[in-house]
Amino acid sequence: MEEKEPIEQEPEDTVKDASTIEQGETTYYSDSMEWKLRVTDSRLIIYGDTYVMANITSVSTEIVEPNRGSPTIAASIGSIILMIGLAIHWAGVIAFGAVLLVGGIVFAILPKKTYRLYITTASGERKTVLRSPNILDIKQVEDAINKALSKGG
């Protein structure tokens, strides 16, 4: 008798590559270009994954602050090296300290916040389904999901 390997199944709250939408579903949000996202009264489709609304218990957002620790440390070290270079009148040390200082400041200022959209499924799993540097995009999708959930998803 031949032994078969167990088939790994998708969790029941996720369906892969369901591209058709049944007639009669109300669409609350649709973005086919950037995220390939659609929110209907019965499904959330994003990046090719489909989540059944009946299995989504909540939706939430989170702000992700960029890591500014390393650039701040580099800027601090750069300022110390710059002061030492100025004290001993050594151009190479001054230049190195200035580069570290300016680089640290630039890399501490440039990174922006990002925002994450989470869903919590009926099984208690919390999944990040969307990331964006624009809070308005995230809030628009969150509102659409909440509206679909309130209609009885």
N, C-alpha and C. Protein backbone atom coordinates (compact mmCIF):
# COMPACT_ATOMS: atom_id res chain seq x y z
N MET A 1 0.84 -1.18 0.00
CA MET A 1 0.00 0.00 0.00
C MET A 1 0.89 1.25 0.00
N GLU A 2 0.61 2.16 -0.89
CA GLU A 2 1.42 3.35 -1.05
C GLU A 2 1.02 4.40 -0.01
N GLU A 3 2.04 4.97 0.65
CA GLU A 3 1.78 5.96 1.68
C GLU A 3 1.73 7.34 1.05
N LYS A 4 0.69 8.11 1.31
CA LYS A 4 0.55 9.45 0.74
C LYS A 4 0.95 10.49 1.76
N GLU A 5 1.58 11.58 1.24
CA GLU A 5 1.93 12.70 2.12
C GLU A 5 0.68 13.50 2.42
N PRO A 6 0.58 14.03 3.63
CA PRO A 6 -0.59 14.87 3.95
C PRO A 6 -0.55 16.13 3.10
N ILE A 7 -1.69 16.57 2.67
CA ILE A 7 -1.80 17.79 1.88
C ILE A 7 -1.98 18.95 2.83
N GLU A 8 -1.11 19.96 2.66
CA GLU A 8 -1.20 21.15 3.51
C GLU A 8 -2.33 22.02 3.00
N GLN A 9 -3.26 22.38 3.88
CA GLN A 9 -4.42 23.16 3.48
C GLN A 9 -4.29 24.58 3.97
N GLU A 10 -4.89 25.49 3.20
CA GLU A 10 -4.95 26.89 3.60
C GLU A 10 -5.87 27.01 4.80
N PRO A 11 -5.63 27.98 5.71
CA PRO A 11 -6.59 28.20 6.78
C PRO A 11 -7.95 28.53 6.17
N GLU A 12 -9.03 28.18 6.87
CA GLU A 12 -10.35 28.34 6.27
C GLU A 12 -10.76 29.80 6.13
N ASP A 13 -10.03 30.75 6.75
CA ASP A 13 -10.40 32.15 6.58
C ASP A 13 -9.66 32.81 5.42
N THR A 14 -8.81 32.06 4.70
CA THR A 14 -8.08 32.58 3.55
C THR A 14 -8.34 31.68 2.35
N VAL A 15 -8.65 32.29 1.23
CA VAL A 15 -8.82 31.54 -0.01
C VAL A 15 -7.86 32.14 -1.01
N LYS A 16 -7.02 31.30 -1.64
CA LYS A 16 -6.03 31.80 -2.60
C LYS A 16 -6.67 32.06 -3.95
N ASP A 17 -6.30 33.21 -4.54
CA ASP A 17 -6.59 33.55 -5.92
C ASP A 17 -8.06 33.43 -6.31
N ALA A 18 -8.93 34.00 -5.52
CA ALA A 18 -10.34 34.05 -5.90
C ALA A 18 -10.56 35.38 -6.59
N SER A 19 -10.53 35.40 -7.91
CA SER A 19 -10.55 36.65 -8.63
C SER A 19 -11.95 37.09 -9.05
N THR A 20 -12.91 36.21 -8.97
CA THR A 20 -14.25 36.59 -9.39
C THR A 20 -15.07 37.03 -8.19
N ILE A 21 -15.90 38.02 -8.42
CA ILE A 21 -16.80 38.52 -7.38
C ILE A 21 -18.21 38.15 -7.81
N GLU A 22 -18.93 37.56 -6.88
CA GLU A 22 -20.29 37.13 -7.17
C GLU A 22 -21.17 38.35 -7.41
N GLN A 23 -22.15 38.20 -8.31
CA GLN A 23 -23.11 39.27 -8.52
C GLN A 23 -23.93 39.45 -7.25
N GLY A 24 -24.29 40.67 -6.99
CA GLY A 24 -25.10 40.94 -5.82
C GLY A 24 -24.28 41.35 -4.61
N GLU A 25 -22.95 41.22 -4.68
CA GLU A 25 -22.11 41.67 -3.58
C GLU A 25 -21.95 43.19 -3.68
N THR A 26 -22.03 43.86 -2.55
CA THR A 26 -21.81 45.30 -2.50
C THR A 26 -20.32 45.55 -2.31
N THR A 27 -19.73 46.38 -3.17
CA THR A 27 -18.31 46.72 -3.06
C THR A 27 -18.18 48.03 -2.30
N TYR A 28 -17.41 48.03 -1.20
CA TYR A 28 -17.20 49.21 -0.38
C TYR A 28 -15.92 49.95 -0.74
N TYR A 29 -14.97 49.21 -1.31
CA TYR A 29 -13.70 49.82 -1.71
C TYR A 29 -13.07 48.94 -2.77
N SER A 30 -12.45 49.57 -3.77
CA SER A 30 -11.78 48.80 -4.80
C SER A 30 -10.56 49.57 -5.28
N ASP A 31 -9.41 48.90 -5.33
CA ASP A 31 -8.17 49.47 -5.84
C ASP A 31 -7.45 48.36 -6.58
N SER A 32 -7.64 48.31 -7.88
CA SER A 32 -7.07 47.20 -8.65
C SER A 32 -5.62 47.46 -9.04
N MET A 33 -5.13 48.67 -8.91
CA MET A 33 -3.78 48.99 -9.38
C MET A 33 -2.71 48.77 -8.31
N GLU A 34 -2.76 49.54 -7.24
CA GLU A 34 -1.68 49.54 -6.26
C GLU A 34 -1.66 48.29 -5.38
N TRP A 35 -2.77 47.96 -4.76
CA TRP A 35 -2.79 46.85 -3.80
C TRP A 35 -3.59 45.65 -4.29
N LYS A 36 -4.24 45.81 -5.44
CA LYS A 36 -5.14 44.74 -5.92
C LYS A 36 -6.11 44.37 -4.79
N LEU A 37 -6.78 45.40 -4.30
CA LEU A 37 -7.60 45.28 -3.10
C LEU A 37 -9.07 45.52 -3.44
N ARG A 38 -9.92 44.73 -2.80
CA ARG A 38 -11.36 44.93 -2.94
C ARG A 38 -12.03 44.53 -1.64
N VAL A 39 -12.92 45.39 -1.17
CA VAL A 39 -13.70 45.11 0.04
C VAL A 39 -15.15 45.03 -0.38
N THR A 40 -15.75 43.87 -0.16
CA THR A 40 -17.17 43.70 -0.44
C THR A 40 -17.86 43.32 0.86
N ASP A 41 -19.17 43.14 0.79
CA ASP A 41 -19.90 42.79 2.00
C ASP A 41 -19.59 41.37 2.48
N SER A 42 -18.97 40.55 1.63
CA SER A 42 -18.67 39.18 2.06
C SER A 42 -17.19 38.81 1.98
N ARG A 43 -16.34 39.67 1.36
CA ARG A 43 -14.92 39.32 1.20
C ARG A 43 -14.00 40.53 1.27
N LEU A 44 -12.78 40.27 1.68
CA LEU A 44 -11.67 41.21 1.57
C LEU A 44 -10.65 40.54 0.69
N ILE A 45 -10.38 41.11 -0.46
CA ILE A 45 -9.39 40.55 -1.39
C ILE A 45 -8.24 41.53 -1.45
N ILE A 46 -7.04 41.05 -1.13
CA ILE A 46 -5.87 41.90 -1.14
C ILE A 46 -4.66 41.10 -1.58
N TYR A 47 -3.93 41.63 -2.56
CA TYR A 47 -2.75 40.96 -3.11
C TYR A 47 -3.04 39.50 -3.49
N GLY A 48 -4.24 39.20 -3.97
CA GLY A 48 -4.55 37.84 -4.39
C GLY A 48 -5.05 36.93 -3.29
N ASP A 49 -5.01 37.36 -2.05
CA ASP A 49 -5.55 36.56 -0.94
C ASP A 49 -6.97 37.04 -0.65
N THR A 50 -7.85 36.10 -0.40
CA THR A 50 -9.24 36.44 -0.09
C THR A 50 -9.54 36.02 1.34
N TYR A 51 -10.08 36.95 2.11
CA TYR A 51 -10.50 36.70 3.49
C TYR A 51 -12.02 36.82 3.53
N VAL A 52 -12.66 35.85 4.09
CA VAL A 52 -14.12 35.87 4.22
C VAL A 52 -14.48 36.82 5.36
N MET A 53 -15.37 37.76 5.08
CA MET A 53 -15.75 38.76 6.08
C MET A 53 -16.33 38.13 7.34
N ALA A 54 -17.03 37.03 7.20
CA ALA A 54 -17.62 36.37 8.36
C ALA A 54 -16.54 35.86 9.32
N ASN A 55 -15.31 35.68 8.82
CA ASN A 55 -14.21 35.19 9.66
C ASN A 55 -13.32 36.32 10.18
N ILE A 56 -13.63 37.56 9.85
CA ILE A 56 -12.88 38.72 10.35
C ILE A 56 -13.64 39.29 11.53
N THR A 57 -12.98 39.35 12.68
CA THR A 57 -13.66 39.85 13.88
C THR A 57 -13.38 41.32 14.14
N SER A 58 -12.21 41.83 13.71
CA SER A 58 -11.91 43.24 13.90
C SER A 58 -10.82 43.69 12.94
N VAL A 59 -10.70 45.00 12.81
CA VAL A 59 -9.69 45.61 11.98
C VAL A 59 -9.09 46.77 12.77
N SER A 60 -7.77 46.96 12.65
CA SER A 60 -7.13 48.04 13.40
C SER A 60 -5.90 48.53 12.65
N THR A 61 -5.44 49.72 13.04
CA THR A 61 -4.24 50.29 12.43
C THR A 61 -3.19 50.50 13.50
N GLU A 62 -1.96 50.58 13.05
CA GLU A 62 -0.83 50.81 13.95
C GLU A 62 0.18 51.70 13.25
N ILE A 63 0.74 52.64 13.99
CA ILE A 63 1.79 53.51 13.47
C ILE A 63 3.13 52.83 13.74
N VAL A 64 3.97 52.75 12.71
CA VAL A 64 5.30 52.18 12.86
C VAL A 64 6.31 53.31 12.70
N GLU A 65 6.95 53.65 13.80
CA GLU A 65 7.95 54.71 13.78
C GLU A 65 9.26 54.16 13.21
N PRO A 66 9.96 54.93 12.39
CA PRO A 66 11.25 54.46 11.87
C PRO A 66 12.29 54.41 12.98
N ASN A 67 13.27 53.54 12.81
CA ASN A 67 14.35 53.41 13.78
C ASN A 67 15.31 54.58 13.60
N ARG A 68 15.36 55.44 14.59
CA ARG A 68 16.25 56.60 14.52
C ARG A 68 17.46 56.44 15.44
N GLY A 69 17.61 55.30 16.07
CA GLY A 69 18.68 55.09 17.04
C GLY A 69 20.07 55.14 16.43
N SER A 70 20.32 54.35 15.41
CA SER A 70 21.66 54.30 14.80
C SER A 70 22.08 55.63 14.21
N PRO A 71 21.22 56.33 13.45
CA PRO A 71 21.63 57.63 12.94
C PRO A 71 21.91 58.65 14.04
N THR A 72 21.16 58.58 15.12
CA THR A 72 21.38 59.50 16.23
C THR A 72 22.74 59.23 16.88
N ILE A 73 23.06 57.96 17.05
CA ILE A 73 24.37 57.60 17.61
C ILE A 73 25.49 58.06 16.68
N ALA A 74 25.32 57.86 15.36
CA ALA A 74 26.33 58.29 14.39
C ALA A 74 26.52 59.81 14.44
N ALA A 75 25.43 60.55 14.55
CA ALA A 75 25.52 62.01 14.63
C ALA A 75 26.23 62.44 15.91
N SER A 76 25.94 61.75 17.01
CA SER A 76 26.61 62.09 18.28
C SER A 76 28.10 61.83 18.22
N ILE A 77 28.45 60.67 17.70
CA ILE A 77 29.88 60.33 17.57
C ILE A 77 30.56 61.31 16.60
N GLY A 78 29.83 61.64 15.51
CA GLY A 78 30.38 62.59 14.54
C GLY A 78 30.64 63.95 15.16
N SER A 79 29.75 64.41 16.03
CA SER A 79 29.96 65.72 16.66
C SER A 79 31.16 65.70 17.61
N ILE A 80 31.34 64.57 18.31
CA ILE A 80 32.50 64.44 19.21
C ILE A 80 33.79 64.44 18.40
N ILE A 81 33.82 63.65 17.32
CA ILE A 81 35.01 63.59 16.46
C ILE A 81 35.28 64.95 15.83
N LEU A 82 34.22 65.64 15.40
CA LEU A 82 34.38 66.98 14.83
C LEU A 82 35.01 67.95 15.83
N MET A 83 34.55 67.92 17.08
CA MET A 83 35.12 68.80 18.11
C MET A 83 36.58 68.47 18.38
N ILE A 84 36.90 67.17 18.42
CA ILE A 84 38.30 66.77 18.63
C ILE A 84 39.14 67.26 17.46
N GLY A 85 38.64 67.08 16.22
CA GLY A 85 39.37 67.55 15.04
C GLY A 85 39.60 69.04 15.06
N LEU A 86 38.59 69.79 15.48
CA LEU A 86 38.75 71.25 15.57
C LEU A 86 39.76 71.61 16.65
N ALA A 87 39.77 70.85 17.75
CA ALA A 87 40.70 71.14 18.85
C ALA A 87 42.15 70.87 18.45
N ILE A 88 42.38 69.83 17.65
CA ILE A 88 43.76 69.49 17.29
C ILE A 88 44.13 70.00 15.89
N HIS A 89 43.21 70.71 15.24
CA HIS A 89 43.44 71.31 13.91
C HIS A 89 43.88 70.28 12.88
N TRP A 90 43.16 69.16 12.80
CA TRP A 90 43.49 68.11 11.85
C TRP A 90 42.32 67.99 10.87
N ALA A 91 42.58 68.36 9.62
CA ALA A 91 41.53 68.46 8.61
C ALA A 91 40.85 67.11 8.35
N GLY A 92 41.60 66.02 8.33
CA GLY A 92 41.01 64.71 8.07
C GLY A 92 40.01 64.31 9.15
N VAL A 93 40.35 64.58 10.40
CA VAL A 93 39.46 64.26 11.51
C VAL A 93 38.23 65.16 11.47
N ILE A 94 38.44 66.44 11.12
CA ILE A 94 37.32 67.37 11.01
C ILE A 94 36.34 66.90 9.93
N ALA A 95 36.88 66.53 8.78
CA ALA A 95 36.04 66.08 7.66
C ALA A 95 35.28 64.81 8.03
N PHE A 96 35.97 63.86 8.67
CA PHE A 96 35.31 62.60 9.05
C PHE A 96 34.19 62.86 10.06
N GLY A 97 34.44 63.71 11.04
CA GLY A 97 33.43 64.05 12.04
C GLY A 97 32.24 64.76 11.41
N ALA A 98 32.53 65.67 10.47
CA ALA A 98 31.46 66.41 9.80
C ALA A 98 30.57 65.47 8.96
N VAL A 99 31.22 64.52 8.27
CA VAL A 99 30.46 63.56 7.46
C VAL A 99 29.55 62.70 8.35
N LEU A 100 30.10 62.20 9.46
CA LEU A 100 29.28 61.41 10.39
C LEU A 100 28.13 62.23 10.96
N LEU A 101 28.41 63.46 11.33
CA LEU A 101 27.39 64.32 11.92
C LEU A 101 26.26 64.60 10.92
N VAL A 102 26.62 65.05 9.73
CA VAL A 102 25.61 65.38 8.72
C VAL A 102 24.86 64.12 8.27
N GLY A 103 25.61 63.04 8.04
CA GLY A 103 24.97 61.78 7.64
C GLY A 103 23.99 61.28 8.69
N GLY A 104 24.38 61.35 9.94
CA GLY A 104 23.49 60.93 11.02
C GLY A 104 22.23 61.77 11.10
N ILE A 105 22.38 63.07 10.93
CA ILE A 105 21.22 63.96 10.96
C ILE A 105 20.29 63.66 9.79
N VAL A 106 20.86 63.51 8.59
CA VAL A 106 20.04 63.25 7.40
C VAL A 106 19.28 61.93 7.56
N PHE A 107 19.99 60.87 7.99
CA PHE A 107 19.33 59.57 8.11
C PHE A 107 18.38 59.48 9.31
N ALA A 108 18.49 60.42 10.23
CA ALA A 108 17.52 60.47 11.33
C ALA A 108 16.25 61.20 10.91
N ILE A 109 16.39 62.14 9.97
CA ILE A 109 15.25 62.96 9.54
C ILE A 109 14.48 62.32 8.39
N LEU A 110 15.17 61.71 7.43
CA LEU A 110 14.54 61.21 6.21
C LEU A 110 13.46 60.14 6.38
N PRO A 111 13.68 59.09 7.15
CA PRO A 111 12.66 58.04 7.22
C PRO A 111 11.35 58.56 7.80
N LYS A 112 10.27 58.16 7.15
CA LYS A 112 8.93 58.58 7.57
C LYS A 112 8.21 57.43 8.27
N LYS A 113 7.17 57.79 8.99
CA LYS A 113 6.32 56.78 9.63
C LYS A 113 5.65 55.94 8.55
N THR A 114 5.37 54.70 8.90
CA THR A 114 4.52 53.88 8.04
C THR A 114 3.34 53.43 8.89
N TYR A 115 2.30 53.02 8.22
CA TYR A 115 1.08 52.61 8.90
C TYR A 115 0.73 51.19 8.46
N ARG A 116 0.27 50.39 9.39
CA ARG A 116 -0.12 49.01 9.09
C ARG A 116 -1.60 48.82 9.39
N LEU A 117 -2.24 48.04 8.53
CA LEU A 117 -3.62 47.66 8.74
C LEU A 117 -3.65 46.19 9.11
N TYR A 118 -4.26 45.90 10.24
CA TYR A 118 -4.36 44.52 10.75
C TYR A 118 -5.80 44.07 10.70
N ILE A 119 -5.96 42.77 10.47
CA ILE A 119 -7.27 42.16 10.71
C ILE A 119 -7.08 41.08 11.75
N THR A 120 -8.09 40.86 12.54
CA THR A 120 -8.09 39.74 13.49
C THR A 120 -9.15 38.78 13.00
N THR A 121 -8.75 37.51 12.88
CA THR A 121 -9.66 36.50 12.36
C THR A 121 -10.39 35.81 13.50
N ALA A 122 -11.41 35.06 13.14
CA ALA A 122 -12.20 34.33 14.14
C ALA A 122 -11.34 33.34 14.92
N SER A 123 -10.24 32.88 14.32
CA SER A 123 -9.36 31.94 15.02
C SER A 123 -8.41 32.66 15.97
N GLY A 124 -8.50 34.01 16.05
CA GLY A 124 -7.68 34.78 16.96
C GLY A 124 -6.36 35.25 16.36
N GLU A 125 -6.13 34.93 15.10
CA GLU A 125 -4.88 35.31 14.44
C GLU A 125 -4.96 36.78 14.02
N ARG A 126 -3.88 37.51 14.28
CA ARG A 126 -3.80 38.92 13.89
C ARG A 126 -2.85 39.00 12.70
N LYS A 127 -3.34 39.51 11.57
CA LYS A 127 -2.54 39.54 10.34
C LYS A 127 -2.38 40.97 9.84
N THR A 128 -1.16 41.31 9.41
CA THR A 128 -0.94 42.56 8.71
C THR A 128 -1.36 42.34 7.27
N VAL A 129 -2.33 43.09 6.80
CA VAL A 129 -2.78 42.92 5.42
C VAL A 129 -2.38 44.07 4.51
N LEU A 130 -1.96 45.20 5.09
CA LEU A 130 -1.62 46.35 4.28
C LEU A 130 -0.64 47.25 5.00
N ARG A 131 0.31 47.81 4.25
CA ARG A 131 1.26 48.80 4.78
C ARG A 131 1.29 49.98 3.83
N SER A 132 1.37 51.19 4.38
CA SER A 132 1.43 52.38 3.55
C SER A 132 2.04 53.53 4.34
N PRO A 133 2.74 54.43 3.66
CA PRO A 133 3.22 55.63 4.34
C PRO A 133 2.12 56.68 4.47
N ASN A 134 0.96 56.43 3.87
CA ASN A 134 -0.14 57.38 3.87
C ASN A 134 -1.28 56.89 4.77
N ILE A 135 -1.49 57.57 5.87
CA ILE A 135 -2.53 57.17 6.83
C ILE A 135 -3.93 57.27 6.20
N LEU A 136 -4.13 58.19 5.27
CA LEU A 136 -5.44 58.33 4.65
C LEU A 136 -5.82 57.09 3.84
N ASP A 137 -4.83 56.49 3.16
CA ASP A 137 -5.09 55.24 2.42
C ASP A 137 -5.52 54.14 3.38
N ILE A 138 -4.77 54.01 4.46
CA ILE A 138 -5.06 52.96 5.44
C ILE A 138 -6.43 53.17 6.07
N LYS A 139 -6.74 54.41 6.46
CA LYS A 139 -8.03 54.71 7.09
C LYS A 139 -9.19 54.46 6.13
N GLN A 140 -8.99 54.76 4.85
CA GLN A 140 -10.05 54.54 3.87
C GLN A 140 -10.38 53.05 3.76
N VAL A 141 -9.35 52.21 3.74
CA VAL A 141 -9.57 50.76 3.66
C VAL A 141 -10.16 50.26 4.99
N GLU A 142 -9.65 50.76 6.11
CA GLU A 142 -10.18 50.35 7.42
C GLU A 142 -11.67 50.70 7.53
N ASP A 143 -12.04 51.90 7.08
CA ASP A 143 -13.45 52.30 7.13
C ASP A 143 -14.31 51.39 6.26
N ALA A 144 -13.81 51.03 5.08
CA ALA A 144 -14.56 50.15 4.19
C ALA A 144 -14.76 48.78 4.81
N ILE A 145 -13.71 48.25 5.45
CA ILE A 145 -13.83 46.93 6.10
C ILE A 145 -14.82 47.01 7.26
N ASN A 146 -14.72 48.07 8.07
CA ASN A 146 -15.66 48.24 9.18
C ASN A 146 -17.10 48.35 8.68
N LYS A 147 -17.29 49.06 7.58
CA LYS A 147 -18.64 49.20 7.02
C LYS A 147 -19.15 47.82 6.56
N ALA A 148 -18.28 47.05 5.90
CA ALA A 148 -18.68 45.71 5.46
C ALA A 148 -18.99 44.81 6.65
N LEU A 149 -18.17 44.91 7.70
CA LEU A 149 -18.41 44.08 8.90
C LEU A 149 -19.72 44.48 9.58
N SER A 150 -20.03 45.77 9.60
CA SER A 150 -21.26 46.21 10.27
C SER A 150 -22.51 45.78 9.51
N LYS A 151 -22.35 45.49 8.22
CA LYS A 151 -23.50 45.04 7.41
C LYS A 151 -23.73 43.54 7.59
N GLY A 152 -22.90 42.92 8.41
CA GLY A 152 -23.14 41.51 8.74
C GLY A 152 -22.22 40.53 8.08
N GLY A 153 -21.20 41.02 7.30
CA GLY A 153 -20.16 40.23 6.66
C GLY A 153 -20.38 38.82 6.77
